[in-house]
Amino acid sequence: MPNNPLQYFLKNESGATAIEYGLIAALVSVASIIALQVLGGSLNSIFGVISSKLGDIASQANNP
């Protein structure tokens, strides 16, 4: 350990990896939220079409 506490603090890198992983996790979270907001409307319409088609198929199967 260096005699000067400031030198010790500047050379100590024990928490750097945890901070880097935290920043990466935050970046992935923000990117996911933005992607879901951008694609949300189109995904909603796609699932609406699929739901409608499945409803049509189910009604045709019940009324041969």
Foldseek 3Di string as FASTA:
>chain_A
DDPDVVVVVVPDCVCVVVVVVVVVVVVVVVVVVVVCVVCVVVVVVVVVVVVVVVVVVVVVVVPD
